[in-house]
Amino acid sequence: MISVDYSKKPLVGIIMGSSSDSRIMKAAAEIFDEFKIKHEDQIISAHRTPSRLSEYAEHAEKMGFKIIIAGAGGAAHLPGMIASHTTIPVIGVPILVYNDKHPKKADAAKFSAFGGLDSLLSITEMPSGSPVVSVGVNKAGNAGIYATKILANEFPTLKKQLKKHKSDQHNSVMKESEKLKKEGLTKFTKKKFK
């Protein structure tokens, strides 16, 4: 078996349906950067570039990607369509659609009428036999952590880093709890949320 270095060769592909999705999907990239996991990021629209989608699936397999994270809003077909073209596991990130490409519209029309539920259901309700794993709406960071956990099954150093990450989270909550206990709720809240 050939040993692969996850910090030198991309083992994860991050794709999104639109450039506006990048502000959400960057949270997955930040997780990979924190764990020094090399990733490849691209914009691929299931509806506007369908032939590119199938080309990307072939590319991902040739590159040896272990996981693809696909973020999409609205009808959110990207995760399901990429999964239909490959055997690589796909993690879908449902994205709440924002209408900020058209700044003249009123704030009331700034986001999807469905609050991301349309995207969530599009990803989770794949037909039997064609699964896509999904995280919560706009939770690309969770997709990054989940993908890291999958990779940790193959790379013991990642497993150690994940254990430290969990320990750091625990310590952070304990530190905040002690501060809250010491200062009292009113003072703590004023400082925390000014």
C-alpha atoms as a PDB file:
ATOM      1  CA  MET A   1       0.000   0.000   0.000  1.00  0.00           C
ATOM      2  CA  ILE A   2       1.326   3.431  -0.978  1.00  0.00           C
ATOM      3  CA  SER A   3       1.469   5.974   1.810  1.00  0.00           C
ATOM      4  CA  VAL A   4      -0.196   9.304   0.975  1.00  0.00           C
ATOM      5  CA  ASP A   5       0.575  12.544   2.782  1.00  0.00           C
ATOM      6  CA  TYR A   6      -2.707  14.408   3.371  1.00  0.00           C
ATOM      7  CA  SER A   7      -0.821  17.697   3.760  1.00  0.00           C
ATOM      8  CA  LYS A   8       0.790  17.481   0.304  1.00  0.00           C
ATOM      9  CA  LYS A   9      -1.808  15.809  -1.933  1.00  0.00           C
ATOM     10  CA  PRO A  10      -5.458  16.940  -1.874  1.00  0.00           C
ATOM     11  CA  LEU A  11      -7.683  14.173  -0.552  1.00  0.00           C
ATOM     12  CA  VAL A  12     -10.788  16.349  -0.241  1.00  0.00           C
ATOM     13  CA  GLY A  13     -12.653  18.314  -2.864  1.00  0.00           C
ATOM     14  CA  ILE A  14     -14.788  21.279  -1.837  1.00  0.00           C
ATOM     15  CA  ILE A  15     -17.288  22.307  -4.478  1.00  0.00           C
ATOM     16  CA  MET A  16     -20.087  24.847  -4.503  1.00  0.00           C
ATOM     17  CA  GLY A  17     -22.784  25.874  -6.935  1.00  0.00           C
ATOM     18  CA  SER A  18     -22.021  29.598  -6.970  1.00  0.00           C
ATOM     19  CA  SER A  19     -19.369  32.113  -5.928  1.00  0.00           C
ATOM     20  CA  SER A  20     -21.836  33.503  -3.362  1.00  0.00           C
ATOM     21  CA  ASP A  21     -21.655  30.118  -1.576  1.00  0.00           C
ATOM     22  CA  SER A  22     -17.950  30.673  -0.896  1.00  0.00           C
ATOM     23  CA  ARG A  23     -18.591  32.741   2.250  1.00  0.00           C
ATOM     24  CA  ILE A  24     -20.308  29.691   3.796  1.00  0.00           C
ATOM     25  CA  MET A  25     -18.036  27.005   2.344  1.00  0.00           C
ATOM     26  CA  LYS A  26     -14.863  28.713   3.566  1.00  0.00           C
ATOM     27  CA  ALA A  27     -15.635  27.309   7.041  1.00  0.00           C
ATOM     28  CA  ALA A  28     -14.825  23.806   5.737  1.00  0.00           C
ATOM     29  CA  ALA A  29     -11.584  25.086   4.201  1.00  0.00           C
ATOM     30  CA  GLU A  30     -10.657  26.738   7.512  1.00  0.00           C
ATOM     31  CA  ILE A  31     -11.035  23.390   9.310  1.00  0.00           C
ATOM     32  CA  PHE A  32      -8.819  21.673   6.736  1.00  0.00           C
ATOM     33  CA  ASP A  33      -6.267  24.467   6.965  1.00  0.00           C
ATOM     34  CA  GLU A  34      -6.242  24.107  10.765  1.00  0.00           C
ATOM     35  CA  PHE A  35      -5.562  20.366  10.446  1.00  0.00           C
ATOM     36  CA  LYS A  36      -3.170  20.916   7.508  1.00  0.00           C
ATOM     37  CA  ILE A  37      -5.309  18.825   5.161  1.00  0.00           C
ATOM     38  CA  LYS A  38      -4.763  19.801   1.543  1.00  0.00           C
ATOM     39  CA  HIS A  39      -8.002  20.402  -0.360  1.00  0.00           C
ATOM     40  CA  GLU A  40      -9.035  21.476  -3.832  1.00  0.00           C
ATOM     41  CA  ASP A  41     -11.847  24.024  -4.177  1.00  0.00           C
ATOM     42  CA  GLN A  42     -14.002  24.699  -7.242  1.00  0.00           C
ATOM     43  CA  ILE A  43     -17.289  26.245  -8.393  1.00  0.00           C
ATOM     44  CA  ILE A  44     -19.456  23.743 -10.259  1.00  0.00           C
ATOM     45  CA  SER A  45     -23.110  24.381 -10.956  1.00  0.00           C
ATOM     46  CA  ALA A  46     -25.352  21.325 -11.335  1.00  0.00           C
ATOM     47  CA  HIS A  47     -27.774  23.414 -13.398  1.00  0.00           C
ATOM     48  CA  ARG A  48     -25.528  25.824 -15.303  1.00  0.00           C
ATOM     49  CA  THR A  49     -22.535  23.540 -15.982  1.00  0.00           C
ATOM     50  CA  PRO A  50     -23.872  19.954 -16.009  1.00  0.00           C
ATOM     51  CA  SER A  51     -21.126  18.597 -18.300  1.00  0.00           C
ATOM     52  CA  ARG A  52     -18.470  20.124 -16.027  1.00  0.00           C
ATOM     53  CA  LEU A  53     -20.056  18.266 -13.113  1.00  0.00           C
ATOM     54  CA  SER A  54     -19.457  14.854 -14.707  1.00  0.00           C
ATOM     55  CA  GLU A  55     -15.926  15.916 -15.709  1.00  0.00           C
ATOM     56  CA  TYR A  56     -15.260  16.916 -12.097  1.00  0.00           C
ATOM     57  CA  ALA A  57     -16.423  13.511 -10.834  1.00  0.00           C
ATOM     58  CA  GLU A  58     -13.883  11.815 -13.134  1.00  0.00           C
ATOM     59  CA  HIS A  59     -11.211  14.291 -12.027  1.00  0.00           C
ATOM     60  CA  ALA A  60     -11.936  13.624  -8.329  1.00  0.00           C
ATOM     61  CA  GLU A  61     -11.585   9.880  -8.843  1.00  0.00           C
ATOM     62  CA  LYS A  62      -8.327  10.263 -10.829  1.00  0.00           C
ATOM     63  CA  MET A  63      -6.931  12.543  -8.115  1.00  0.00           C
ATOM     64  CA  GLY A  64      -7.765   9.957  -5.448  1.00  0.00           C
ATOM     65  CA  PHE A  65     -10.072  12.163  -3.395  1.00  0.00           C
ATOM     66  CA  LYS A  66     -11.447  10.379  -0.346  1.00  0.00           C
ATOM     67  CA  ILE A  67     -14.355  12.792   0.249  1.00  0.00           C
ATOM     68  CA  ILE A  68     -16.212  15.527  -1.618  1.00  0.00           C
ATOM     69  CA  ILE A  69     -17.968  18.322   0.251  1.00  0.00           C
ATOM     70  CA  ALA A  70     -20.642  19.930  -1.923  1.00  0.00           C
ATOM     71  CA  GLY A  71     -22.473  23.082  -0.900  1.00  0.00           C
ATOM     72  CA  ALA A  72     -25.575  24.345  -2.652  1.00  0.00           C
ATOM     73  CA  GLY A  73     -28.605  26.516  -2.029  1.00  0.00           C
ATOM     74  CA  GLY A  74     -32.178  26.525  -3.265  1.00  0.00           C
ATOM     75  CA  ALA A  75     -32.935  23.283  -5.125  1.00  0.00           C
ATOM     76  CA  ALA A  76     -29.438  22.140  -4.031  1.00  0.00           C
ATOM     77  CA  HIS A  77     -28.922  19.441  -6.645  1.00  0.00           C
ATOM     78  CA  LEU A  78     -25.111  19.625  -6.619  1.00  0.00           C
ATOM     79  CA  PRO A  79     -24.451  17.138  -3.771  1.00  0.00           C
ATOM     80  CA  GLY A  80     -26.852  14.543  -5.149  1.00  0.00           C
ATOM     81  CA  MET A  81     -25.741  14.958  -8.748  1.00  0.00           C
ATOM     82  CA  ILE A  82     -22.038  14.640  -7.913  1.00  0.00           C
ATOM     83  CA  ALA A  83     -22.830  11.568  -5.788  1.00  0.00           C
ATOM     84  CA  SER A  84     -24.624  10.019  -8.763  1.00  0.00           C
ATOM     85  CA  HIS A  85     -21.429  10.328 -10.836  1.00  0.00           C
ATOM     86  CA  THR A  86     -18.928   8.828  -8.358  1.00  0.00           C
ATOM     87  CA  THR A  87     -18.395   6.295  -5.592  1.00  0.00           C
ATOM     88  CA  ILE A  88     -16.572   8.890  -3.468  1.00  0.00           C
ATOM     89  CA  PRO A  89     -18.579   9.735  -0.303  1.00  0.00           C
ATOM     90  CA  VAL A  90     -20.286  13.140  -0.542  1.00  0.00           C
ATOM     91  CA  ILE A  91     -21.106  15.447   2.352  1.00  0.00           C
ATOM     92  CA  GLY A  92     -23.772  17.988   1.417  1.00  0.00           C
ATOM     93  CA  VAL A  93     -23.916  21.480   2.892  1.00  0.00           C
ATOM     94  CA  PRO A  94     -27.355  23.078   2.489  1.00  0.00           C
ATOM     95  CA  ILE A  95     -26.931  26.813   2.011  1.00  0.00           C
ATOM     96  CA  LEU A  96     -29.424  29.530   2.846  1.00  0.00           C
ATOM     97  CA  VAL A  97     -29.739  31.525  -0.385  1.00  0.00           C
ATOM     98  CA  TYR A  98     -29.108  35.267  -0.129  1.00  0.00           C
ATOM     99  CA  ASN A  99     -30.230  37.785  -2.754  1.00  0.00           C
ATOM    100  CA  ASP A 100     -27.357  40.179  -2.138  1.00  0.00           C
ATOM    101  CA  LYS A 101     -26.250  40.028  -5.784  1.00  0.00           C
ATOM    102  CA  HIS A 102     -29.089  42.499  -6.370  1.00  0.00           C
ATOM    103  CA  PRO A 103     -28.455  45.254  -3.769  1.00  0.00           C
ATOM    104  CA  LYS A 104     -31.427  47.366  -4.906  1.00  0.00           C
ATOM    105  CA  LYS A 105     -33.920  44.823  -3.575  1.00  0.00           C
ATOM    106  CA  ALA A 106     -35.478  45.418  -0.164  1.00  0.00           C
ATOM    107  CA  ASP A 107     -34.005  43.704   2.899  1.00  0.00           C
ATOM    108  CA  ALA A 108     -37.169  41.613   3.160  1.00  0.00           C
ATOM    109  CA  ALA A 109     -36.130  39.837  -0.050  1.00  0.00           C
ATOM    110  CA  LYS A 110     -32.557  39.329   1.142  1.00  0.00           C
ATOM    111  CA  PHE A 111     -32.864  35.575   1.699  1.00  0.00           C
ATOM    112  CA  SER A 112     -34.823  32.515   0.644  1.00  0.00           C
ATOM    113  CA  ALA A 113     -38.441  32.295   1.712  1.00  0.00           C
ATOM    114  CA  PHE A 114     -37.716  28.759   2.955  1.00  0.00           C
ATOM    115  CA  GLY A 115     -34.808  29.685   5.251  1.00  0.00           C
ATOM    116  CA  GLY A 116     -32.563  26.943   3.856  1.00  0.00           C
ATOM    117  CA  LEU A 117     -35.125  24.185   4.424  1.00  0.00           C
ATOM    118  CA  ASP A 118     -35.438  23.778   0.644  1.00  0.00           C
ATOM    119  CA  SER A 119     -31.706  23.020   0.404  1.00  0.00           C
ATOM    120  CA  LEU A 120     -31.711  20.724   3.424  1.00  0.00           C
ATOM    121  CA  LEU A 121     -34.578  18.631   2.081  1.00  0.00           C
ATOM    122  CA  SER A 122     -33.075  18.495  -1.419  1.00  0.00           C
ATOM    123  CA  ILE A 123     -29.895  16.990  -0.001  1.00  0.00           C
ATOM    124  CA  THR A 124     -31.335  14.667   2.642  1.00  0.00           C
ATOM    125  CA  GLU A 125     -34.214  13.273   0.582  1.00  0.00           C
ATOM    126  CA  MET A 126     -32.062  11.476  -1.986  1.00  0.00           C
ATOM    127  CA  PRO A 127     -33.642   8.327  -3.436  1.00  0.00           C
ATOM    128  CA  SER A 128     -32.866   4.988  -1.780  1.00  0.00           C
ATOM    129  CA  GLY A 129     -29.518   3.653  -2.941  1.00  0.00           C
ATOM    130  CA  SER A 130     -28.067   7.119  -3.697  1.00  0.00           C
ATOM    131  CA  PRO A 131     -27.159   8.538  -0.283  1.00  0.00           C
ATOM    132  CA  VAL A 132     -25.597  11.886   0.502  1.00  0.00           C
ATOM    133  CA  VAL A 133     -24.681  12.746   4.085  1.00  0.00           C
ATOM    134  CA  SER A 134     -25.867  16.205   5.108  1.00  0.00           C
ATOM    135  CA  VAL A 135     -24.932  18.683   7.802  1.00  0.00           C
ATOM    136  CA  GLY A 136     -27.159  21.512   8.996  1.00  0.00           C
ATOM    137  CA  VAL A 137     -27.937  24.657   7.021  1.00  0.00           C
ATOM    138  CA  ASN A 138     -24.758  26.750   6.522  1.00  0.00           C
ATOM    139  CA  LYS A 139     -22.736  24.301   8.674  1.00  0.00           C
ATOM    140  CA  ALA A 140     -19.760  23.852   6.327  1.00  0.00           C
ATOM    141  CA  GLY A 141     -17.441  23.789   9.361  1.00  0.00           C
ATOM    142  CA  ASN A 142     -19.203  20.654  10.575  1.00  0.00           C
ATOM    143  CA  ALA A 143     -18.711  19.104   7.132  1.00  0.00           C
ATOM    144  CA  GLY A 144     -14.992  19.842   7.482  1.00  0.00           C
ATOM    145  CA  ILE A 145     -14.820  18.198  10.901  1.00  0.00           C
ATOM    146  CA  TYR A 146     -16.810  15.176   9.707  1.00  0.00           C
ATOM    147  CA  ALA A 147     -14.503  14.737   6.704  1.00  0.00           C
ATOM    148  CA  THR A 148     -11.481  15.033   9.018  1.00  0.00           C
ATOM    149  CA  LYS A 149     -12.933  12.259  11.198  1.00  0.00           C
ATOM    150  CA  ILE A 150     -13.290  10.033   8.135  1.00  0.00           C
ATOM    151  CA  LEU A 151      -9.681  10.706   7.117  1.00  0.00           C
ATOM    152  CA  ALA A 152      -8.523  10.073  10.704  1.00  0.00           C
ATOM    153  CA  ASN A 153      -9.461   6.404  10.250  1.00  0.00           C
ATOM    154  CA  GLU A 154      -6.557   6.200   7.804  1.00  0.00           C
ATOM    155  CA  PHE A 155      -4.166   8.734   9.363  1.00  0.00           C
ATOM    156  CA  PRO A 156      -3.319   8.277  13.078  1.00  0.00           C
ATOM    157  CA  THR A 157      -1.795  11.778  13.329  1.00  0.00           C
ATOM    158  CA  LEU A 158      -5.177  13.266  12.398  1.00  0.00           C
ATOM    159  CA  LYS A 159      -6.837  11.156  15.087  1.00  0.00           C
ATOM    160  CA  LYS A 160      -4.463  12.656  17.686  1.00  0.00           C
ATOM    161  CA  GLN A 161      -5.180  16.171  16.414  1.00  0.00           C
ATOM    162  CA  LEU A 162      -8.933  15.561  16.604  1.00  0.00           C
ATOM    163  CA  LYS A 163      -8.622  14.386  20.216  1.00  0.00           C
ATOM    164  CA  LYS A 164      -6.725  17.583  21.039  1.00  0.00           C
ATOM    165  CA  HIS A 165      -9.372  19.635  19.196  1.00  0.00           C
ATOM    166  CA  LYS A 166     -12.106  18.045  21.336  1.00  0.00           C
ATOM    167  CA  SER A 167     -10.080  18.637  24.484  1.00  0.00           C
ATOM    168  CA  ASP A 168      -9.561  22.305  23.524  1.00  0.00           C
ATOM    169  CA  GLN A 169     -13.319  22.711  22.996  1.00  0.00           C
ATOM    170  CA  HIS A 170     -13.996  21.186  26.415  1.00  0.00           C
ATOM    171  CA  ASN A 171     -11.462  23.458  28.114  1.00  0.00           C
ATOM    172  CA  SER A 172     -12.881  26.536  26.385  1.00  0.00           C
ATOM    173  CA  VAL A 173     -16.401  25.787  27.661  1.00  0.00           C
ATOM    174  CA  MET A 174     -15.111  25.132  31.185  1.00  0.00           C
ATOM    175  CA  LYS A 175     -13.178  28.432  31.154  1.00  0.00           C
ATOM    176  CA  GLU A 176     -16.259  30.374  30.026  1.00  0.00           C
ATOM    177  CA  SER A 177     -18.416  28.624  32.607  1.00  0.00           C
ATOM    178  CA  GLU A 178     -16.027  29.617  35.400  1.00  0.00           C
ATOM    179  CA  LYS A 179     -15.987  33.200  34.141  1.00  0.00           C
ATOM    180  CA  LEU A 180     -19.817  33.265  34.041  1.00  0.00           C
ATOM    181  CA  LYS A 181     -19.987  31.837  37.566  1.00  0.00           C
ATOM    182  CA  LYS A 182     -17.497  34.421  38.847  1.00  0.00           C
ATOM    183  CA  GLU A 183     -18.953  37.508  37.112  1.00  0.00           C
ATOM    184  CA  GLY A 184     -22.651  36.645  37.207  1.00  0.00           C
ATOM    185  CA  LEU A 185     -24.974  36.435  34.235  1.00  0.00           C
ATOM    186  CA  THR A 186     -25.703  40.158  33.817  1.00  0.00           C
ATOM    187  CA  LYS A 187     -22.071  41.320  33.821  1.00  0.00           C
ATOM    188  CA  PHE A 188     -20.902  38.341  31.737  1.00  0.00           C
ATOM    189  CA  THR A 189     -23.552  38.972  29.082  1.00  0.00           C
ATOM    190  CA  LYS A 190     -22.775  42.694  28.860  1.00  0.00           C
ATOM    191  CA  LYS A 191     -19.064  41.973  28.283  1.00  0.00           C
ATOM    192  CA  LYS A 192     -19.648  39.059  25.908  1.00  0.00           C
ATOM    193  CA  PHE A 193     -22.268  40.637  23.638  1.00  0.00           C
ATOM    194  CA  LYS A 194     -21.476  44.355  23.484  1.00  0.00           C
END
